PDB file of N, CA and C in Angstrom:
ATOM      1  N   MET A   1      36.304 -50.518  -3.060  1.00  0.00           N
ATOM      2  CA  MET A   1      36.178 -51.767  -3.779  1.00  0.00           C
ATOM      3  C   MET A   1      35.144 -51.596  -4.880  1.00  0.00           C
ATOM      4  N   VAL A   2      35.466 -52.068  -6.077  1.00  0.00           N
ATOM      5  CA  VAL A   2      34.541 -52.046  -7.192  1.00  0.00           C
ATOM      6  C   VAL A   2      33.796 -53.370  -7.207  1.00  0.00           C
ATOM      7  N   VAL A   3      32.493 -53.306  -7.326  1.00  0.00           N
ATOM      8  CA  VAL A   3      31.687 -54.527  -7.352  1.00  0.00           C
ATOM      9  C   VAL A   3      31.953 -55.278  -8.648  1.00  0.00           C
ATOM     10  N   PRO A   4      32.184 -56.590  -8.560  1.00  0.00           N
ATOM     11  CA  PRO A   4      32.424 -57.378  -9.771  1.00  0.00           C
ATOM     12  C   PRO A   4      31.254 -57.299 -10.740  1.00  0.00           C
ATOM     13  N   THR A   5      31.571 -57.355 -12.013  1.00  0.00           N
ATOM     14  CA  THR A   5      30.577 -57.330 -13.073  1.00  0.00           C
ATOM     15  C   THR A   5      30.516 -58.704 -13.705  1.00  0.00           C
ATOM     16  N   LYS A   6      29.327 -59.133 -14.069  1.00  0.00           N
ATOM     17  CA  LYS A   6      29.206 -60.442 -14.696  1.00  0.00           C
ATOM     18  C   LYS A   6      28.637 -60.297 -16.095  1.00  0.00           C
ATOM     19  N   SER A   7      28.939 -61.274 -16.921  1.00  0.00           N
ATOM     20  CA  SER A   7      28.412 -61.316 -18.273  1.00  0.00           C
ATOM     21  C   SER A   7      27.674 -62.623 -18.442  1.00  0.00           C
ATOM     22  N   SER A   8      26.506 -62.566 -19.031  1.00  0.00           N
ATOM     23  CA  SER A   8      25.724 -63.780 -19.197  1.00  0.00           C
ATOM     24  C   SER A   8      25.191 -63.890 -20.615  1.00  0.00           C
ATOM     25  N   VAL A   9      24.858 -65.108 -20.976  1.00  0.00           N
ATOM     26  CA  VAL A   9      24.267 -65.388 -22.269  1.00  0.00           C
ATOM     27  C   VAL A   9      22.813 -64.938 -22.215  1.00  0.00           C
ATOM     28  N   LYS A  10      22.366 -64.185 -23.214  1.00  0.00           N
ATOM     29  CA  LYS A  10      21.023 -63.610 -23.189  1.00  0.00           C
ATOM     30  C   LYS A  10      19.920 -64.659 -23.182  1.00  0.00           C
ATOM     31  N   ASN A  11      20.105 -65.747 -23.907  1.00  0.00           N
ATOM     32  CA  ASN A  11      19.031 -66.736 -24.043  1.00  0.00           C
ATOM     33  C   ASN A  11      18.819 -67.585 -22.798  1.00  0.00           C
ATOM     34  N   CYS A  12      19.893 -67.950 -22.119  1.00  0.00           N
ATOM     35  CA  CYS A  12      19.740 -68.880 -20.999  1.00  0.00           C
ATOM     36  C   CYS A  12      20.170 -68.293 -19.662  1.00  0.00           C
ATOM     37  N   GLY A  13      20.855 -67.172 -19.643  1.00  0.00           N
ATOM     38  CA  GLY A  13      21.267 -66.543 -18.399  1.00  0.00           C
ATOM     39  C   GLY A  13      22.488 -67.157 -17.745  1.00  0.00           C
ATOM     40  N   THR A  14      23.208 -68.022 -18.462  1.00  0.00           N
ATOM     41  CA  THR A  14      24.416 -68.627 -17.911  1.00  0.00           C
ATOM     42  C   THR A  14      25.503 -67.573 -17.772  1.00  0.00           C
ATOM     43  N   ASN A  15      26.065 -67.477 -16.579  1.00  0.00           N
ATOM     44  CA  ASN A  15      27.159 -66.526 -16.351  1.00  0.00           C
ATOM     45  C   ASN A  15      28.451 -67.115 -16.880  1.00  0.00           C
ATOM     46  N   LEU A  16      29.088 -66.408 -17.805  1.00  0.00           N
ATOM     47  CA  LEU A  16      30.313 -66.892 -18.421  1.00  0.00           C
ATOM     48  C   LEU A  16      31.546 -66.485 -17.653  1.00  0.00           C
ATOM     49  N   TYR A  17      31.574 -65.249 -17.185  1.00  0.00           N
ATOM     50  CA  TYR A  17      32.747 -64.753 -16.472  1.00  0.00           C
ATOM     51  C   TYR A  17      32.351 -63.568 -15.590  1.00  0.00           C
ATOM     52  N   TYR A  18      33.225 -63.290 -14.659  1.00  0.00           N
ATOM     53  CA  TYR A  18      33.093 -62.130 -13.797  1.00  0.00           C
ATOM     54  C   TYR A  18      34.408 -61.357 -13.854  1.00  0.00           C
ATOM     55  N   TYR A  19      34.336 -60.041 -13.720  1.00  0.00           N
ATOM     56  CA  TYR A  19      35.546 -59.248 -13.623  1.00  0.00           C
ATOM     57  C   TYR A  19      35.298 -58.071 -12.701  1.00  0.00           C
ATOM     58  N   GLY A  20      36.361 -57.565 -12.156  1.00  0.00           N
ATOM     59  CA  GLY A  20      36.239 -56.444 -11.244  1.00  0.00           C
ATOM     60  C   GLY A  20      37.595 -55.981 -10.766  1.00  0.00           C
ATOM     61  N   ASN A  21      37.582 -55.167  -9.745  1.00  0.00           N
ATOM     62  CA  ASN A  21      38.811 -54.627  -9.178  1.00  0.00           C
ATOM     63  C   ASN A  21      38.646 -54.585  -7.666  1.00  0.00           C
ATOM     64  N   ILE A  22      39.369 -55.465  -6.989  1.00  0.00           N
ATOM     65  CA  ILE A  22      39.344 -55.503  -5.530  1.00  0.00           C
ATOM     66  C   ILE A  22      40.787 -55.378  -5.054  1.00  0.00           C
ATOM     67  N   PRO A  23      41.170 -54.203  -4.566  1.00  0.00           N
ATOM     68  CA  PRO A  23      42.557 -53.983  -4.155  1.00  0.00           C
ATOM     69  C   PRO A  23      43.068 -55.025  -3.160  1.00  0.00           C
ATOM     70  N   GLU A  24      42.193 -55.485  -2.254  1.00  0.00           N
ATOM     71  CA  GLU A  24      42.602 -56.479  -1.258  1.00  0.00           C
ATOM     72  C   GLU A  24      43.006 -57.809  -1.901  1.00  0.00           C
ATOM     73  N   MET A  25      42.526 -58.052  -3.124  1.00  0.00           N
ATOM     74  CA  MET A  25      42.858 -59.288  -3.840  1.00  0.00           C
ATOM     75  C   MET A  25      43.996 -59.071  -4.826  1.00  0.00           C
ATOM     76  N   GLY A  26      44.555 -57.885  -4.869  1.00  0.00           N
ATOM     77  CA  GLY A  26      45.646 -57.609  -5.791  1.00  0.00           C
ATOM     78  C   GLY A  26      45.238 -56.748  -6.967  1.00  0.00           C
ATOM     79  N   GLY A  27      44.005 -56.247  -6.968  1.00  0.00           N
ATOM     80  CA  GLY A  27      43.570 -55.354  -8.040  1.00  0.00           C
ATOM     81  C   GLY A  27      42.587 -56.007  -8.984  1.00  0.00           C
ATOM     82  N   GLU A  28      42.819 -55.791 -10.269  1.00  0.00           N
ATOM     83  CA  GLU A  28      41.896 -56.294 -11.282  1.00  0.00           C
ATOM     84  C   GLU A  28      41.955 -57.809 -11.359  1.00  0.00           C
ATOM     85  N   PHE A  29      40.781 -58.417 -11.604  1.00  0.00           N
ATOM     86  CA  PHE A  29      40.723 -59.859 -11.727  1.00  0.00           C
ATOM     87  C   PHE A  29      39.685 -60.252 -12.765  1.00  0.00           C
ATOM     88  N   LEU A  30      39.810 -61.465 -13.243  1.00  0.00           N
ATOM     89  CA  LEU A  30      38.867 -62.058 -14.179  1.00  0.00           C
ATOM     90  C   LEU A  30      38.707 -63.517 -13.805  1.00  0.00           C
ATOM     91  N   THR A  31      37.478 -63.954 -13.609  1.00  0.00           N
ATOM     92  CA  THR A  31      37.206 -65.361 -13.360  1.00  0.00           C
ATOM     93  C   THR A  31      36.368 -65.899 -14.502  1.00  0.00           C
ATOM     94  N   VAL A  32      36.661 -67.107 -14.921  1.00  0.00           N
ATOM     95  CA  VAL A  32      35.955 -67.730 -16.041  1.00  0.00           C
ATOM     96  C   VAL A  32      35.428 -69.073 -15.582  1.00  0.00           C
ATOM     97  N   ARG A  33      34.189 -69.363 -15.908  1.00  0.00           N
ATOM     98  CA  ARG A  33      33.625 -70.684 -15.610  1.00  0.00           C
ATOM     99  C   ARG A  33      34.146 -71.664 -16.648  1.00  0.00           C
ATOM    100  N   VAL A  34      34.924 -72.623 -16.190  1.00  0.00           N
ATOM    101  CA  VAL A  34      35.569 -73.541 -17.135  1.00  0.00           C
ATOM    102  C   VAL A  34      34.557 -74.386 -17.898  1.00  0.00           C
ATOM    103  N   ASN A  35      33.385 -74.610 -17.348  1.00  0.00           N
ATOM    104  CA  ASN A  35      32.389 -75.399 -18.067  1.00  0.00           C
ATOM    105  C   ASN A  35      31.770 -74.647 -19.245  1.00  0.00           C
ATOM    106  N   THR A  36      32.119 -73.374 -19.418  1.00  0.00           N
ATOM    107  CA  THR A  36      31.618 -72.614 -20.566  1.00  0.00           C
ATOM    108  C   THR A  36      32.639 -72.525 -21.693  1.00  0.00           C
ATOM    109  N   LEU A  37      33.822 -73.104 -21.503  1.00  0.00           N
ATOM    110  CA  LEU A  37      34.879 -73.032 -22.511  1.00  0.00           C
ATOM    111  C   LEU A  37      34.704 -74.122 -23.565  1.00  0.00           C
ATOM    112  N   ASP A  38      34.874 -73.751 -24.807  1.00  0.00           N
ATOM    113  CA  ASP A  38      34.861 -74.711 -25.918  1.00  0.00           C
ATOM    114  C   ASP A  38      36.290 -74.978 -26.359  1.00  0.00           C
ATOM    115  N   HIS A  39      36.499 -76.117 -26.981  1.00  0.00           N
ATOM    116  CA  HIS A  39      37.781 -76.455 -27.608  1.00  0.00           C
ATOM    117  C   HIS A  39      38.937 -76.506 -26.610  1.00  0.00           C
ATOM    118  N   ILE A  40      38.670 -77.006 -25.419  1.00  0.00           N
ATOM    119  CA  ILE A  40      39.729 -77.207 -24.428  1.00  0.00           C
ATOM    120  C   ILE A  40      39.512 -78.591 -23.820  1.00  0.00           C
ATOM    121  N   THR A  41      40.590 -79.317 -23.658  1.00  0.00           N
ATOM    122  CA  THR A  41      40.483 -80.680 -23.136  1.00  0.00           C
ATOM    123  C   THR A  41      40.508 -80.667 -21.607  1.00  0.00           C
ATOM    124  N   ASN A  42      40.058 -81.754 -21.022  1.00  0.00           N
ATOM    125  CA  ASN A  42      40.119 -81.879 -19.564  1.00  0.00           C
ATOM    126  C   ASN A  42      41.556 -81.776 -19.070  1.00  0.00           C
ATOM    127  N   ASP A  43      42.489 -82.371 -19.814  1.00  0.00           N
ATOM    128  CA  ASP A  43      43.903 -82.298 -19.420  1.00  0.00           C
ATOM    129  C   ASP A  43      44.401 -80.858 -19.398  1.00  0.00           C
ATOM    130  N   GLU A  44      43.996 -80.062 -20.383  1.00  0.00           N
ATOM    131  CA  GLU A  44      44.412 -78.657 -20.423  1.00  0.00           C
ATOM    132  C   GLU A  44      43.832 -77.883 -19.239  1.00  0.00           C
ATOM    133  N   ILE A  45      42.604 -78.202 -18.873  1.00  0.00           N
ATOM    134  CA  ILE A  45      41.986 -77.548 -17.715  1.00  0.00           C
ATOM    135  C   ILE A  45      42.734 -77.931 -16.441  1.00  0.00           C
ATOM    136  N   LEU A  46      43.045 -79.215 -16.291  1.00  0.00           N
ATOM    137  CA  LEU A  46      43.705 -79.691 -15.080  1.00  0.00           C
ATOM    138  C   LEU A  46      45.127 -79.173 -14.930  1.00  0.00           C
ATOM    139  N   GLU A  47      45.754 -78.727 -16.023  1.00  0.00           N
ATOM    140  CA  GLU A  47      47.107 -78.174 -15.964  1.00  0.00           C
ATOM    141  C   GLU A  47      47.126 -76.753 -15.400  1.00  0.00           C
ATOM    142  N   GLN A  48      45.981 -76.100 -15.332  1.00  0.00           N
ATOM    143  CA  GLN A  48      45.920 -74.707 -14.896  1.00  0.00           C
ATOM    144  C   GLN A  48      45.930 -74.619 -13.377  1.00  0.00           C
ATOM    145  N   PRO A  49      46.468 -73.523 -12.841  1.00  0.00           N
ATOM    146  CA  PRO A  49      46.492 -73.365 -11.382  1.00  0.00           C
ATOM    147  C   PRO A  49      45.088 -73.121 -10.835  1.00  0.00           C
ATOM    148  N   ILE A  50      44.858 -73.598  -9.642  1.00  0.00           N
ATOM    149  CA  ILE A  50      43.603 -73.348  -8.935  1.00  0.00           C
ATOM    150  C   ILE A  50      43.914 -72.416  -7.780  1.00  0.00           C
ATOM    151  N   ILE A  51      43.170 -71.330  -7.707  1.00  0.00           N
ATOM    152  CA  ILE A  51      43.354 -70.370  -6.628  1.00  0.00           C
ATOM    153  C   ILE A  51      42.083 -70.375  -5.782  1.00  0.00           C
ATOM    154  N   TYR A  52      42.215 -70.768  -4.536  1.00  0.00           N
ATOM    155  CA  TYR A  52      41.082 -70.810  -3.621  1.00  0.00           C
ATOM    156  C   TYR A  52      40.994 -69.494  -2.870  1.00  0.00           C
ATOM    157  N   SER A  53      39.773 -68.989  -2.675  1.00  0.00           N
ATOM    158  CA  SER A  53      39.551 -67.746  -1.952  1.00  0.00           C
ATOM    159  C   SER A  53      38.546 -67.990  -0.841  1.00  0.00           C
ATOM    160  N   ASP A  54      38.743 -67.319   0.274  1.00  0.00           N
ATOM    161  CA  ASP A  54      37.873 -67.490   1.434  1.00  0.00           C
ATOM    162  C   ASP A  54      36.677 -66.550   1.356  1.00  0.00           C
ATOM    163  N   GLY A  55      35.692 -66.931   0.563  1.00  0.00           N
ATOM    164  CA  GLY A  55      34.479 -66.133   0.433  1.00  0.00           C
ATOM    165  C   GLY A  55      33.549 -66.282   1.624  1.00  0.00           C
ATOM    166  N   LYS A  56      33.628 -67.417   2.311  1.00  0.00           N
ATOM    167  CA  LYS A  56      32.770 -67.658   3.475  1.00  0.00           C
ATOM    168  C   LYS A  56      32.960 -66.576   4.527  1.00  0.00           C
ATOM    169  N   ASN A  57      34.205 -66.138   4.707  1.00  0.00           N
ATOM    170  CA  ASN A  57      34.516 -65.126   5.714  1.00  0.00           C
ATOM    171  C   ASN A  57      34.799 -63.760   5.102  1.00  0.00           C
ATOM    172  N   ASP A  58      34.396 -63.562   3.846  1.00  0.00           N
ATOM    173  CA  ASP A  58      34.639 -62.308   3.122  1.00  0.00           C
ATOM    174  C   ASP A  58      36.107 -61.907   3.144  1.00  0.00           C
ATOM    175  N   ALA A  59      36.974 -62.892   3.071  1.00  0.00           N
ATOM    176  CA  ALA A  59      38.424 -62.651   3.017  1.00  0.00           C
ATOM    177  C   ALA A  59      38.931 -63.215   1.692  1.00  0.00           C
ATOM    178  N   TRP A  60      38.449 -62.655   0.610  1.00  0.00           N
ATOM    179  CA  TRP A  60      38.703 -63.172  -0.741  1.00  0.00           C
ATOM    180  C   TRP A  60      40.174 -63.176  -1.110  1.00  0.00           C
ATOM    181  N   TRP A  61      40.992 -62.375  -0.465  1.00  0.00           N
ATOM    182  CA  TRP A  61      42.409 -62.252  -0.785  1.00  0.00           C
ATOM    183  C   TRP A  61      43.251 -63.327  -0.114  1.00  0.00           C
ATOM    184  N   GLN A  62      42.635 -64.184   0.707  1.00  0.00           N
ATOM    185  CA  GLN A  62      43.415 -65.253   1.325  1.00  0.00           C
ATOM    186  C   GLN A  62      42.749 -66.607   1.111  1.00  0.00           C
ATOM    187  N   GLU A  63      43.559 -67.654   1.168  1.00  0.00           N
ATOM    188  CA  GLU A  63      43.064 -69.012   0.979  1.00  0.00           C
ATOM    189  C   GLU A  63      42.364 -69.469   2.259  1.00  0.00           C
ATOM    190  N   PRO A  64      41.248 -70.204   2.144  1.00  0.00           N
ATOM    191  CA  PRO A  64      40.592 -70.710   3.347  1.00  0.00           C
ATOM    192  C   PRO A  64      41.482 -71.724   4.066  1.00  0.00           C
ATOM    193  N   GLN A  65      41.261 -71.877   5.355  1.00  0.00           N
ATOM    194  CA  GLN A  65      42.065 -72.808   6.138  1.00  0.00           C
ATOM    195  C   GLN A  65      41.853 -74.250   5.702  1.00  0.00           C
ATOM    196  N   ASP A  66      40.628 -74.594   5.294  1.00  0.00           N
ATOM    197  CA  ASP A  66      40.323 -75.974   4.913  1.00  0.00           C
ATOM    198  C   ASP A  66      39.739 -75.992   3.505  1.00  0.00           C
ATOM    199  N   ILE A  67      40.435 -76.625   2.573  1.00  0.00           N
ATOM    200  CA  ILE A  67      39.964 -76.672   1.179  1.00  0.00           C
ATOM    201  C   ILE A  67      39.534 -78.081   0.775  1.00  0.00           C
ATOM    202  N   ARG A  68      39.430 -78.999   1.741  1.00  0.00           N
ATOM    203  CA  ARG A  68      39.119 -80.392   1.407  1.00  0.00           C
ATOM    204  C   ARG A  68      37.770 -80.555   0.711  1.00  0.00           C
ATOM    205  N   THR A  69      36.795 -79.702   0.984  1.00  0.00           N
ATOM    206  CA  THR A  69      35.479 -79.857   0.383  1.00  0.00           C
ATOM    207  C   THR A  69      35.247 -78.942  -0.813  1.00  0.00           C
ATOM    208  N   LEU A  70      36.256 -78.220  -1.235  1.00  0.00           N
ATOM    209  CA  LEU A  70      36.092 -77.303  -2.363  1.00  0.00           C
ATOM    210  C   LEU A  70      36.345 -77.983  -3.676  1.00  0.00           C
TER     211      LEU A  70
END
């Protein structure tokens, strides 16, 4: 497993995105913090798929059993 890499803004340290390669999750991935995106409407954000991962149990390749609080 390759450890994910993050990119942050130098002035404030805000993490914009993470990327890496975890074969158990299907290989290469990229996650983006939607609150860092400019020029996108709330409706456009809500139209995108949400993929939940079970990080609590280190089973990132599967959805958690309960997503009500996520």
